[in-house]
Amino acid sequence: MCGRYKLSARHEDVLKHFDLINGKFDYKPSDEIFPGTNILAIGPGHRAENIFWTIEDRDHKGVMRKVINAKSETAHFVPMFRDAFKNGRVLIPATGFYEWKELENKKKEKYEFDFDEPLFAFAGISRECEIKGEPRNCGVILTTEANNVVRPIHAKARMPVILHKYDYEKWLDPDTPPTELKRIMQPLPDDEITAHKADEPGEQQGLF
C-alpha cells in the first residue's frame, strides 16, 4: 500500500475540510487515482497544489528508483526521503483506498477501505525531482504496519498512514517533535476503518 486511492468529494467539501486559502485550486473528483499522475496535496499554510505521485531518484547504491510509498519507520533517515520528511510534509486528501488480496490461483481480489470520516488525509511528503528531464514537485504516501482490518488482505502487512484532522497542523509543522510524529504515524485503530470487496477486480499498482 498504497497503490491506488480515491478522492470523490466535492470541490467545496475539500475546500472546507482542509481550510484551503486558494479556493480555485485545480481538482477533479476521481474514484481511482493512479501513481505517475498529478494528485492534490495540501502544504503548509493550507495551500493546495498538484504534485506528481512518484519520486524518482538514485538510492545509496546509485541505482535509479521509482517509488510511490515510503515507510514511516525509516523515511526520516533514508536519503531519498530525509529532507522531504523534515521540510516537505503534506496532506494528501482521500475518501478511500484500494488493496488486493492474493488468492491461491494467482488471482487477486480487489478491496476498498473506508475511514469512519467521509473525507480524510494520508500523510505524504514532497520534494523536487526530475521527471523526463523536467524538474517537478513529486511526492509519496507514507505507510505503516497494517492493523487487523488491513493485515488479512495485504500480503506485506502494510497500510497508509491516515491522519486525524486534529493532527493536520502538527503534520505540516516542520518543528513538530519526532516523538509526536511517531505517534501520528501509528496504524489507524481497527474500529475506524472498514473493508469490502470492490466492484471491479482492477490491476494492482504498487512499488513498495
N, C-alpha and C. Protein backbone atom coordinates (compact mmCIF):
# COMPACT_ATOMS: atom_id res chain seq x y z
N MET A 1 0.84 -1.16 0.00
CA MET A 1 0.00 0.00 0.00
C MET A 1 0.88 1.22 0.00
N CYS A 2 0.55 2.25 -0.59
CA CYS A 2 -0.75 2.50 -1.19
C CYS A 2 -0.54 2.62 -2.69
N GLY A 3 -1.25 1.76 -3.47
CA GLY A 3 -1.06 1.77 -4.90
C GLY A 3 -2.16 2.46 -5.66
N ARG A 4 -3.32 2.58 -5.05
CA ARG A 4 -4.42 3.35 -5.64
C ARG A 4 -5.32 3.86 -4.52
N TYR A 5 -5.92 4.99 -4.77
CA TYR A 5 -6.88 5.51 -3.81
C TYR A 5 -7.93 6.32 -4.55
N LYS A 6 -8.92 6.82 -3.83
CA LYS A 6 -9.94 7.64 -4.47
C LYS A 6 -10.15 8.93 -3.70
N LEU A 7 -10.59 9.94 -4.43
CA LEU A 7 -10.95 11.22 -3.85
C LEU A 7 -12.18 11.69 -4.61
N SER A 8 -13.35 11.33 -4.08
CA SER A 8 -14.61 11.59 -4.78
C SER A 8 -15.41 12.73 -4.16
N ALA A 9 -14.81 13.43 -3.20
CA ALA A 9 -15.51 14.52 -2.53
C ALA A 9 -15.71 15.72 -3.46
N ARG A 10 -16.72 16.50 -3.15
CA ARG A 10 -16.99 17.71 -3.93
C ARG A 10 -15.91 18.77 -3.65
N HIS A 11 -15.70 19.63 -4.63
CA HIS A 11 -14.72 20.70 -4.51
C HIS A 11 -14.95 21.51 -3.23
N GLU A 12 -16.20 21.88 -2.97
CA GLU A 12 -16.49 22.71 -1.81
C GLU A 12 -16.24 21.98 -0.49
N ASP A 13 -16.42 20.65 -0.48
CA ASP A 13 -16.15 19.88 0.73
C ASP A 13 -14.65 19.80 1.02
N VAL A 14 -13.85 19.64 -0.03
CA VAL A 14 -12.40 19.64 0.14
C VAL A 14 -11.93 21.00 0.63
N LEU A 15 -12.47 22.04 0.04
CA LEU A 15 -12.12 23.40 0.43
C LEU A 15 -12.41 23.65 1.90
N LYS A 16 -13.57 23.22 2.37
CA LYS A 16 -13.98 23.46 3.75
C LYS A 16 -13.21 22.58 4.73
N HIS A 17 -13.07 21.30 4.40
CA HIS A 17 -12.43 20.35 5.32
C HIS A 17 -10.99 20.73 5.62
N PHE A 18 -10.27 21.19 4.60
CA PHE A 18 -8.85 21.50 4.76
C PHE A 18 -8.58 23.00 4.94
N ASP A 19 -9.63 23.79 5.07
CA ASP A 19 -9.49 25.23 5.30
C ASP A 19 -8.53 25.86 4.28
N LEU A 20 -8.75 25.57 3.02
CA LEU A 20 -7.83 26.00 1.98
C LEU A 20 -7.94 27.50 1.73
N ILE A 21 -6.78 28.12 1.51
CA ILE A 21 -6.76 29.56 1.28
C ILE A 21 -6.86 29.89 -0.21
N ASN A 22 -6.54 28.92 -1.08
CA ASN A 22 -6.65 29.14 -2.53
C ASN A 22 -7.83 28.33 -3.05
N GLY A 23 -9.00 28.95 -3.01
CA GLY A 23 -10.24 28.24 -3.32
C GLY A 23 -10.39 27.80 -4.75
N LYS A 24 -9.61 28.35 -5.68
CA LYS A 24 -9.73 27.98 -7.09
C LYS A 24 -8.68 26.95 -7.50
N PHE A 25 -8.34 26.04 -6.56
CA PHE A 25 -7.34 25.02 -6.87
C PHE A 25 -7.87 24.06 -7.93
N ASP A 26 -6.95 23.46 -8.66
CA ASP A 26 -7.29 22.55 -9.75
C ASP A 26 -7.63 21.18 -9.18
N TYR A 27 -8.87 20.76 -9.31
CA TYR A 27 -9.29 19.48 -8.72
C TYR A 27 -10.48 18.90 -9.46
N LYS A 28 -10.38 17.61 -9.75
CA LYS A 28 -11.50 16.87 -10.33
C LYS A 28 -11.69 15.59 -9.52
N PRO A 29 -12.90 15.33 -9.00
CA PRO A 29 -13.14 14.09 -8.25
C PRO A 29 -12.82 12.87 -9.09
N SER A 30 -12.30 11.82 -8.43
CA SER A 30 -11.95 10.59 -9.14
C SER A 30 -12.16 9.40 -8.21
N ASP A 31 -12.72 8.32 -8.75
CA ASP A 31 -12.93 7.10 -7.98
C ASP A 31 -11.71 6.19 -8.01
N GLU A 32 -10.70 6.54 -8.78
CA GLU A 32 -9.48 5.73 -8.79
C GLU A 32 -8.32 6.60 -9.28
N ILE A 33 -7.38 6.83 -8.38
CA ILE A 33 -6.23 7.68 -8.67
C ILE A 33 -4.98 6.81 -8.75
N PHE A 34 -4.18 7.00 -9.79
CA PHE A 34 -3.06 6.13 -10.11
C PHE A 34 -1.71 6.80 -9.82
N PRO A 35 -0.70 5.99 -9.50
CA PRO A 35 0.67 6.53 -9.44
C PRO A 35 1.08 7.07 -10.80
N GLY A 36 2.04 7.98 -10.81
CA GLY A 36 2.51 8.54 -12.06
C GLY A 36 1.57 9.57 -12.65
N THR A 37 0.69 10.13 -11.81
CA THR A 37 -0.21 11.19 -12.25
C THR A 37 -0.13 12.34 -11.24
N ASN A 38 -0.69 13.48 -11.62
CA ASN A 38 -0.76 14.60 -10.70
C ASN A 38 -1.86 14.36 -9.67
N ILE A 39 -1.54 14.62 -8.40
CA ILE A 39 -2.52 14.43 -7.34
C ILE A 39 -2.59 15.70 -6.49
N LEU A 40 -3.70 15.85 -5.79
CA LEU A 40 -3.90 17.00 -4.93
C LEU A 40 -3.16 16.81 -3.61
N ALA A 41 -2.45 17.82 -3.18
CA ALA A 41 -1.76 17.81 -1.89
C ALA A 41 -1.96 19.16 -1.21
N ILE A 42 -1.92 19.14 0.12
CA ILE A 42 -2.09 20.35 0.91
C ILE A 42 -0.79 20.59 1.67
N GLY A 43 -0.19 21.75 1.46
CA GLY A 43 1.06 22.08 2.12
C GLY A 43 0.86 23.05 3.26
N PRO A 44 1.95 23.48 3.90
CA PRO A 44 1.88 24.46 4.99
C PRO A 44 1.12 25.71 4.57
N GLY A 45 0.37 26.26 5.51
CA GLY A 45 -0.45 27.42 5.18
C GLY A 45 -1.76 27.04 4.53
N HIS A 46 -2.04 25.73 4.45
CA HIS A 46 -3.28 25.22 3.86
C HIS A 46 -3.44 25.68 2.42
N ARG A 47 -2.36 25.56 1.68
CA ARG A 47 -2.39 25.90 0.26
C ARG A 47 -2.40 24.61 -0.57
N ALA A 48 -3.38 24.50 -1.47
CA ALA A 48 -3.48 23.33 -2.32
C ALA A 48 -2.50 23.41 -3.47
N GLU A 49 -1.97 22.27 -3.88
CA GLU A 49 -1.06 22.21 -5.02
C GLU A 49 -1.18 20.83 -5.67
N ASN A 50 -0.74 20.74 -6.90
CA ASN A 50 -0.66 19.45 -7.58
C ASN A 50 0.78 18.95 -7.52
N ILE A 51 0.95 17.71 -7.09
CA ILE A 51 2.27 17.09 -7.11
C ILE A 51 2.20 15.80 -7.92
N PHE A 52 3.35 15.36 -8.40
CA PHE A 52 3.44 14.14 -9.21
C PHE A 52 3.61 12.96 -8.26
N TRP A 53 2.69 12.00 -8.33
CA TRP A 53 2.72 10.88 -7.40
C TRP A 53 3.75 9.82 -7.83
N THR A 54 4.99 10.07 -7.58
CA THR A 54 6.13 9.18 -7.75
C THR A 54 7.38 10.02 -7.52
N ILE A 55 8.29 9.51 -6.74
CA ILE A 55 9.60 10.14 -6.60
C ILE A 55 10.61 9.28 -7.33
N GLU A 56 11.36 9.90 -8.22
CA GLU A 56 12.42 9.22 -8.95
C GLU A 56 13.76 9.77 -8.49
N ASP A 57 14.66 8.89 -8.09
CA ASP A 57 15.97 9.33 -7.63
C ASP A 57 16.88 8.11 -7.52
N ARG A 58 18.16 8.37 -7.35
CA ARG A 58 19.11 7.28 -7.16
C ARG A 58 19.23 6.95 -5.68
N ASP A 59 19.28 5.67 -5.38
CA ASP A 59 19.44 5.26 -3.99
C ASP A 59 20.91 5.33 -3.59
N HIS A 60 21.23 4.84 -2.39
CA HIS A 60 22.60 4.95 -1.88
C HIS A 60 23.60 4.15 -2.69
N LYS A 61 23.10 3.22 -3.52
CA LYS A 61 23.96 2.43 -4.38
C LYS A 61 24.08 3.03 -5.79
N GLY A 62 23.42 4.16 -6.02
CA GLY A 62 23.47 4.80 -7.32
C GLY A 62 22.47 4.26 -8.32
N VAL A 63 21.56 3.39 -7.86
CA VAL A 63 20.55 2.80 -8.74
C VAL A 63 19.32 3.71 -8.79
N MET A 64 18.86 4.02 -10.00
CA MET A 64 17.68 4.85 -10.15
C MET A 64 16.44 4.08 -9.71
N ARG A 65 15.65 4.68 -8.87
CA ARG A 65 14.44 4.04 -8.36
C ARG A 65 13.23 4.93 -8.56
N LYS A 66 12.08 4.29 -8.75
CA LYS A 66 10.81 4.97 -8.80
C LYS A 66 9.96 4.44 -7.65
N VAL A 67 9.53 5.31 -6.75
CA VAL A 67 8.78 4.86 -5.59
C VAL A 67 7.51 5.69 -5.43
N ILE A 68 6.47 5.05 -4.92
CA ILE A 68 5.20 5.75 -4.68
C ILE A 68 4.87 5.77 -3.20
N ASN A 69 5.58 4.98 -2.40
CA ASN A 69 5.38 4.92 -0.96
C ASN A 69 6.71 5.03 -0.25
N ALA A 70 6.67 5.44 1.01
CA ALA A 70 7.86 5.44 1.86
C ALA A 70 7.45 4.90 3.22
N LYS A 71 8.28 4.07 3.81
CA LYS A 71 7.99 3.54 5.14
C LYS A 71 8.14 4.63 6.19
N SER A 72 7.13 4.79 7.01
CA SER A 72 7.17 5.83 8.04
C SER A 72 8.28 5.57 9.05
N GLU A 73 8.64 4.31 9.24
CA GLU A 73 9.66 3.96 10.23
C GLU A 73 11.07 4.39 9.80
N THR A 74 11.28 4.58 8.49
CA THR A 74 12.64 4.85 8.00
C THR A 74 12.75 6.13 7.17
N ALA A 75 11.64 6.78 6.86
CA ALA A 75 11.68 7.94 5.95
C ALA A 75 12.54 9.08 6.49
N HIS A 76 12.68 9.17 7.81
CA HIS A 76 13.44 10.28 8.39
C HIS A 76 14.94 10.17 8.18
N PHE A 77 15.44 8.98 7.78
CA PHE A 77 16.89 8.87 7.56
C PHE A 77 17.27 8.33 6.19
N VAL A 78 16.35 7.79 5.42
CA VAL A 78 16.66 7.33 4.06
C VAL A 78 16.95 8.55 3.19
N PRO A 79 18.11 8.61 2.51
CA PRO A 79 18.49 9.82 1.75
C PRO A 79 17.43 10.31 0.77
N MET A 80 16.72 9.40 0.11
CA MET A 80 15.72 9.79 -0.88
C MET A 80 14.58 10.59 -0.26
N PHE A 81 14.30 10.35 1.04
CA PHE A 81 13.13 10.95 1.69
C PHE A 81 13.48 11.89 2.84
N ARG A 82 14.70 11.86 3.32
CA ARG A 82 15.07 12.52 4.57
C ARG A 82 14.69 14.00 4.61
N ASP A 83 15.12 14.76 3.62
CA ASP A 83 14.83 16.20 3.61
C ASP A 83 13.34 16.47 3.44
N ALA A 84 12.69 15.68 2.61
CA ALA A 84 11.25 15.85 2.39
C ALA A 84 10.47 15.55 3.67
N PHE A 85 10.92 14.55 4.42
CA PHE A 85 10.24 14.22 5.66
C PHE A 85 10.37 15.35 6.67
N LYS A 86 11.49 16.03 6.65
CA LYS A 86 11.72 17.12 7.60
C LYS A 86 11.02 18.40 7.19
N ASN A 87 11.09 18.75 5.91
CA ASN A 87 10.61 20.05 5.47
C ASN A 87 9.53 20.02 4.40
N GLY A 88 9.12 18.85 3.96
CA GLY A 88 8.16 18.77 2.86
C GLY A 88 6.95 17.90 3.16
N ARG A 89 6.52 17.89 4.42
CA ARG A 89 5.35 17.07 4.76
C ARG A 89 4.07 17.72 4.23
N VAL A 90 3.20 16.90 3.65
CA VAL A 90 1.95 17.38 3.06
C VAL A 90 0.80 16.47 3.44
N LEU A 91 -0.40 16.99 3.29
CA LEU A 91 -1.63 16.21 3.44
C LEU A 91 -2.09 15.80 2.05
N ILE A 92 -2.47 14.55 1.89
CA ILE A 92 -3.00 14.07 0.61
C ILE A 92 -4.45 13.67 0.82
N PRO A 93 -5.39 14.50 0.38
CA PRO A 93 -6.82 14.24 0.61
C PRO A 93 -7.28 12.95 -0.06
N ALA A 94 -8.19 12.24 0.62
CA ALA A 94 -8.71 10.98 0.08
C ALA A 94 -10.07 10.68 0.68
N THR A 95 -10.82 9.83 0.00
CA THR A 95 -12.09 9.33 0.54
C THR A 95 -12.09 7.81 0.65
N GLY A 96 -11.00 7.17 0.32
CA GLY A 96 -10.87 5.72 0.43
C GLY A 96 -9.60 5.27 -0.28
N PHE A 97 -9.25 4.00 -0.09
CA PHE A 97 -8.11 3.44 -0.81
C PHE A 97 -8.38 1.98 -1.14
N TYR A 98 -7.54 1.43 -2.02
CA TYR A 98 -7.74 0.07 -2.51
C TYR A 98 -6.55 -0.81 -2.18
N GLU A 99 -6.85 -2.09 -2.03
CA GLU A 99 -5.79 -3.08 -1.83
C GLU A 99 -6.24 -4.39 -2.46
N TRP A 100 -5.26 -5.26 -2.77
CA TRP A 100 -5.53 -6.51 -3.45
C TRP A 100 -5.13 -7.70 -2.58
N LYS A 101 -6.03 -8.66 -2.45
CA LYS A 101 -5.77 -9.87 -1.69
C LYS A 101 -5.34 -10.98 -2.65
N GLU A 102 -4.20 -11.59 -2.37
CA GLU A 102 -3.71 -12.66 -3.22
C GLU A 102 -4.44 -13.96 -2.93
N LEU A 103 -4.87 -14.66 -4.01
CA LEU A 103 -5.58 -15.93 -3.88
C LEU A 103 -4.67 -17.08 -4.32
N GLU A 104 -5.09 -18.29 -4.04
CA GLU A 104 -4.26 -19.47 -4.33
C GLU A 104 -4.01 -19.66 -5.80
N ASN A 105 -4.93 -19.28 -6.65
CA ASN A 105 -4.80 -19.50 -8.10
C ASN A 105 -4.12 -18.33 -8.81
N LYS A 106 -3.35 -17.53 -8.06
CA LYS A 106 -2.61 -16.37 -8.59
C LYS A 106 -3.52 -15.23 -9.01
N LYS A 107 -4.80 -15.36 -8.73
CA LYS A 107 -5.71 -14.25 -8.97
C LYS A 107 -5.71 -13.33 -7.76
N LYS A 108 -6.32 -12.18 -7.91
CA LYS A 108 -6.36 -11.21 -6.82
C LYS A 108 -7.78 -10.68 -6.68
N GLU A 109 -8.17 -10.43 -5.44
CA GLU A 109 -9.44 -9.79 -5.15
C GLU A 109 -9.18 -8.35 -4.72
N LYS A 110 -9.91 -7.44 -5.32
CA LYS A 110 -9.73 -6.02 -5.01
C LYS A 110 -10.67 -5.60 -3.88
N TYR A 111 -10.08 -4.94 -2.88
CA TYR A 111 -10.85 -4.46 -1.73
C TYR A 111 -10.77 -2.94 -1.64
N GLU A 112 -11.85 -2.37 -1.15
CA GLU A 112 -11.89 -0.94 -0.90
C GLU A 112 -11.97 -0.71 0.60
N PHE A 113 -11.21 0.28 1.09
CA PHE A 113 -11.19 0.60 2.50
C PHE A 113 -11.73 2.02 2.70
N ASP A 114 -12.59 2.15 3.70
CA ASP A 114 -13.18 3.44 4.03
C ASP A 114 -12.86 3.79 5.48
N PHE A 115 -12.59 5.07 5.70
CA PHE A 115 -12.34 5.61 7.03
C PHE A 115 -13.70 5.94 7.66
N ASP A 116 -13.73 6.14 8.98
CA ASP A 116 -15.02 6.47 9.62
C ASP A 116 -15.43 7.92 9.39
N GLU A 117 -14.59 8.69 8.68
CA GLU A 117 -14.96 10.02 8.23
C GLU A 117 -14.96 10.02 6.70
N PRO A 118 -15.92 10.67 6.05
CA PRO A 118 -16.03 10.59 4.58
C PRO A 118 -14.86 11.21 3.83
N LEU A 119 -14.14 12.14 4.47
CA LEU A 119 -13.00 12.80 3.83
C LEU A 119 -11.87 12.86 4.85
N PHE A 120 -10.69 12.44 4.45
CA PHE A 120 -9.56 12.39 5.37
C PHE A 120 -8.28 12.70 4.61
N ALA A 121 -7.12 12.47 5.25
CA ALA A 121 -5.85 12.75 4.59
C ALA A 121 -4.84 11.65 4.88
N PHE A 122 -4.10 11.27 3.84
CA PHE A 122 -2.90 10.45 4.02
C PHE A 122 -1.75 11.36 4.45
N ALA A 123 -0.80 10.79 5.16
CA ALA A 123 0.44 11.50 5.44
C ALA A 123 1.34 11.37 4.22
N GLY A 124 1.72 12.51 3.64
CA GLY A 124 2.58 12.48 2.46
C GLY A 124 3.81 13.35 2.66
N ILE A 125 4.79 13.15 1.81
CA ILE A 125 5.96 14.02 1.77
C ILE A 125 6.22 14.38 0.31
N SER A 126 6.77 15.58 0.10
CA SER A 126 7.02 16.01 -1.27
C SER A 126 8.38 16.68 -1.37
N ARG A 127 8.94 16.63 -2.56
CA ARG A 127 10.25 17.22 -2.84
C ARG A 127 10.38 17.38 -4.35
N GLU A 128 11.36 18.15 -4.77
CA GLU A 128 11.60 18.31 -6.20
C GLU A 128 12.42 17.14 -6.70
N CYS A 129 12.05 16.61 -7.85
CA CYS A 129 12.85 15.59 -8.52
C CYS A 129 12.69 15.79 -10.02
N GLU A 130 13.48 15.09 -10.79
CA GLU A 130 13.47 15.24 -12.24
C GLU A 130 12.66 14.13 -12.87
N ILE A 131 11.64 14.50 -13.63
CA ILE A 131 10.78 13.56 -14.33
C ILE A 131 10.89 13.84 -15.82
N LYS A 132 11.45 12.89 -16.56
CA LYS A 132 11.64 13.03 -18.01
C LYS A 132 12.38 14.32 -18.34
N GLY A 133 13.41 14.60 -17.54
CA GLY A 133 14.25 15.75 -17.80
C GLY A 133 13.72 17.07 -17.29
N GLU A 134 12.54 17.07 -16.67
CA GLU A 134 11.95 18.30 -16.17
C GLU A 134 11.86 18.27 -14.64
N PRO A 135 12.25 19.37 -13.96
CA PRO A 135 12.09 19.42 -12.51
C PRO A 135 10.61 19.52 -12.14
N ARG A 136 10.18 18.66 -11.22
CA ARG A 136 8.79 18.67 -10.80
C ARG A 136 8.70 18.46 -9.30
N ASN A 137 7.63 18.95 -8.70
CA ASN A 137 7.37 18.70 -7.30
C ASN A 137 6.69 17.34 -7.20
N CYS A 138 7.37 16.38 -6.59
CA CYS A 138 6.91 15.00 -6.55
C CYS A 138 6.62 14.58 -5.12
N GLY A 139 5.86 13.51 -4.96
CA GLY A 139 5.53 13.07 -3.62
C GLY A 139 5.22 11.59 -3.52
N VAL A 140 5.21 11.11 -2.28
CA VAL A 140 4.85 9.73 -1.97
C VAL A 140 3.94 9.72 -0.76
N ILE A 141 3.26 8.59 -0.56
CA ILE A 141 2.40 8.37 0.60
C ILE A 141 3.16 7.51 1.60
N LEU A 142 3.14 7.90 2.86
CA LEU A 142 3.81 7.12 3.88
C LEU A 142 2.96 5.92 4.29
N THR A 143 3.64 4.83 4.62
CA THR A 143 2.94 3.62 5.08
C THR A 143 3.41 3.25 6.47
N THR A 144 2.60 2.43 7.14
CA THR A 144 2.92 1.93 8.46
C THR A 144 2.48 0.48 8.55
N GLU A 145 2.67 -0.15 9.70
CA GLU A 145 2.22 -1.53 9.87
C GLU A 145 0.70 -1.59 9.72
N ALA A 146 0.23 -2.66 9.11
CA ALA A 146 -1.21 -2.83 8.92
C ALA A 146 -1.90 -3.14 10.24
N ASN A 147 -3.13 -2.64 10.38
CA ASN A 147 -3.92 -3.03 11.55
C ASN A 147 -4.65 -4.35 11.25
N ASN A 148 -5.52 -4.77 12.13
CA ASN A 148 -6.16 -6.08 11.99
C ASN A 148 -7.20 -6.13 10.88
N VAL A 149 -7.59 -4.97 10.36
CA VAL A 149 -8.54 -4.94 9.24
C VAL A 149 -7.81 -5.11 7.92
N VAL A 150 -6.66 -4.46 7.78
CA VAL A 150 -5.92 -4.49 6.52
C VAL A 150 -5.01 -5.72 6.42
N ARG A 151 -4.47 -6.18 7.54
CA ARG A 151 -3.47 -7.25 7.53
C ARG A 151 -3.94 -8.52 6.81
N PRO A 152 -5.18 -8.99 6.99
CA PRO A 152 -5.58 -10.22 6.28
C PRO A 152 -5.65 -10.07 4.77
N ILE A 153 -5.64 -8.85 4.28
CA ILE A 153 -5.78 -8.61 2.84
C ILE A 153 -4.45 -8.27 2.20
N HIS A 154 -3.64 -7.46 2.86
CA HIS A 154 -2.37 -7.04 2.27
C HIS A 154 -1.26 -8.01 2.62
N ALA A 155 -0.63 -8.61 1.61
CA ALA A 155 0.36 -9.66 1.83
C ALA A 155 1.56 -9.18 2.62
N LYS A 156 1.94 -7.91 2.45
CA LYS A 156 3.11 -7.39 3.13
C LYS A 156 2.76 -6.69 4.45
N ALA A 157 1.49 -6.78 4.83
CA ALA A 157 1.03 -6.24 6.12
C ALA A 157 1.38 -4.77 6.30
N ARG A 158 1.09 -3.96 5.27
CA ARG A 158 1.30 -2.51 5.34
C ARG A 158 -0.01 -1.79 5.04
N MET A 159 -0.12 -0.56 5.49
CA MET A 159 -1.26 0.28 5.19
C MET A 159 -0.81 1.73 5.16
N PRO A 160 -1.58 2.63 4.53
CA PRO A 160 -1.18 4.03 4.51
C PRO A 160 -1.31 4.66 5.88
N VAL A 161 -0.50 5.66 6.14
CA VAL A 161 -0.65 6.46 7.35
C VAL A 161 -1.83 7.41 7.13
N ILE A 162 -2.88 7.23 7.92
CA ILE A 162 -4.07 8.05 7.82
C ILE A 162 -4.10 9.01 9.01
N LEU A 163 -4.27 10.28 8.72
CA LEU A 163 -4.20 11.32 9.75
C LEU A 163 -5.58 11.73 10.23
N HIS A 164 -5.70 11.91 11.54
CA HIS A 164 -6.90 12.54 12.08
C HIS A 164 -6.81 14.05 11.86
N LYS A 165 -7.95 14.67 11.72
CA LYS A 165 -7.97 16.10 11.43
C LYS A 165 -7.25 16.91 12.50
N TYR A 166 -7.35 16.48 13.76
CA TYR A 166 -6.69 17.23 14.83
C TYR A 166 -5.16 17.15 14.76
N ASP A 167 -4.64 16.27 13.89
CA ASP A 167 -3.19 16.17 13.72
C ASP A 167 -2.68 16.85 12.46
N TYR A 168 -3.56 17.43 11.66
CA TYR A 168 -3.13 18.04 10.41
C TYR A 168 -2.04 19.09 10.63
N GLU A 169 -2.28 20.00 11.55
CA GLU A 169 -1.33 21.09 11.77
C GLU A 169 0.02 20.56 12.25
N LYS A 170 -0.01 19.57 13.12
CA LYS A 170 1.24 19.01 13.63
C LYS A 170 2.02 18.33 12.51
N TRP A 171 1.31 17.68 11.61
CA TRP A 171 1.99 17.02 10.50
C TRP A 171 2.66 18.04 9.57
N LEU A 172 1.99 19.14 9.33
CA LEU A 172 2.51 20.16 8.41
C LEU A 172 3.62 21.00 9.04
N ASP A 173 3.65 21.08 10.35
CA ASP A 173 4.61 21.93 11.04
C ASP A 173 6.00 21.28 11.07
N PRO A 174 7.02 21.88 10.44
CA PRO A 174 8.36 21.28 10.43
C PRO A 174 9.01 21.21 11.81
N ASP A 175 8.45 21.91 12.79
CA ASP A 175 9.03 21.92 14.13
C ASP A 175 8.38 20.90 15.08
N THR A 176 7.44 20.11 14.59
CA THR A 176 6.83 19.08 15.44
C THR A 176 7.88 18.08 15.89
N PRO A 177 7.96 17.77 17.18
CA PRO A 177 9.00 16.85 17.69
C PRO A 177 8.86 15.44 17.10
N PRO A 178 9.98 14.74 16.92
CA PRO A 178 9.96 13.36 16.39
C PRO A 178 9.06 12.42 17.17
N THR A 179 9.00 12.58 18.49
CA THR A 179 8.14 11.69 19.28
C THR A 179 6.67 11.88 18.93
N GLU A 180 6.28 13.12 18.64
CA GLU A 180 4.90 13.39 18.27
C GLU A 180 4.61 12.87 16.86
N LEU A 181 5.56 13.00 15.96
CA LEU A 181 5.39 12.45 14.61
C LEU A 181 5.24 10.94 14.66
N LYS A 182 6.00 10.29 15.52
CA LYS A 182 5.90 8.84 15.66
C LYS A 182 4.51 8.43 16.11
N ARG A 183 3.93 9.19 17.04
CA ARG A 183 2.56 8.90 17.49
C ARG A 183 1.57 9.07 16.34
N ILE A 184 1.73 10.14 15.58
CA ILE A 184 0.81 10.43 14.48
C ILE A 184 0.83 9.32 13.44
N MET A 185 1.98 8.68 13.25
CA MET A 185 2.13 7.71 12.16
C MET A 185 1.79 6.28 12.57
N GLN A 186 1.18 6.10 13.72
CA GLN A 186 0.78 4.77 14.15
C GLN A 186 -0.40 4.26 13.31
N PRO A 187 -0.57 2.94 13.21
CA PRO A 187 -1.70 2.38 12.43
C PRO A 187 -3.04 2.89 12.96
N LEU A 188 -3.97 3.08 12.07
CA LEU A 188 -5.30 3.51 12.44
C LEU A 188 -5.98 2.43 13.28
N PRO A 189 -6.71 2.80 14.35
CA PRO A 189 -7.44 1.80 15.14
C PRO A 189 -8.41 0.99 14.27
N ASP A 190 -8.58 -0.27 14.62
CA ASP A 190 -9.41 -1.17 13.82
C ASP A 190 -10.84 -0.67 13.64
N ASP A 191 -11.38 -0.06 14.67
CA ASP A 191 -12.79 0.34 14.62
C ASP A 191 -13.03 1.61 13.82
N GLU A 192 -11.97 2.19 13.23
CA GLU A 192 -12.13 3.41 12.44
C GLU A 192 -12.01 3.16 10.95
N ILE A 193 -11.93 1.90 10.54
CA ILE A 193 -11.75 1.59 9.13
C ILE A 193 -12.54 0.31 8.80
N THR A 194 -13.11 0.28 7.61
CA THR A 194 -13.86 -0.89 7.16
C THR A 194 -13.36 -1.32 5.78
N ALA A 195 -13.57 -2.59 5.45
CA ALA A 195 -13.13 -3.15 4.16
C ALA A 195 -14.29 -3.88 3.50
N HIS A 196 -14.38 -3.77 2.19
CA HIS A 196 -15.36 -4.53 1.43
C HIS A 196 -14.83 -4.75 0.03
N LYS A 197 -15.29 -5.78 -0.63
CA LYS A 197 -14.83 -6.09 -1.98
C LYS A 197 -15.26 -4.98 -2.94
N ALA A 198 -14.34 -4.60 -3.78
CA ALA A 198 -14.64 -3.58 -4.78
C ALA A 198 -15.38 -4.20 -5.95
N ASP A 199 -16.10 -3.37 -6.69
CA ASP A 199 -16.90 -3.86 -7.81
C ASP A 199 -16.04 -4.38 -8.95
N GLU A 200 -14.89 -3.74 -9.18
CA GLU A 200 -14.03 -4.11 -10.30
C GLU A 200 -12.76 -4.76 -9.77
N PRO A 201 -12.27 -5.84 -10.41
CA PRO A 201 -11.05 -6.50 -9.93
C PRO A 201 -9.80 -5.64 -10.08
N GLY A 202 -9.69 -4.91 -11.17
CA GLY A 202 -8.57 -3.99 -11.36
C GLY A 202 -7.22 -4.67 -11.46
N GLU A 203 -6.20 -3.88 -11.66
CA GLU A 203 -4.81 -4.33 -11.72
C GLU A 203 -4.05 -3.70 -10.57
N GLN A 204 -3.27 -4.52 -9.86
CA GLN A 204 -2.54 -3.99 -8.74
C GLN A 204 -1.45 -3.03 -9.19
N GLN A 205 -1.32 -1.92 -8.45
CA GLN A 205 -0.28 -0.94 -8.72
C GLN A 205 0.46 -0.69 -7.41
N GLY A 206 1.74 -0.97 -7.38
CA GLY A 206 2.49 -0.72 -6.17
C GLY A 206 3.98 -0.93 -6.41
N LEU A 207 4.80 -0.11 -5.79
CA LEU A 207 6.24 -0.20 -5.99
C LEU A 207 6.96 -0.27 -4.66
N PHE A 208 6.35 -0.86 -3.65
CA PHE A 208 6.98 -0.86 -2.34
C PHE A 208 7.37 -2.25 -1.93
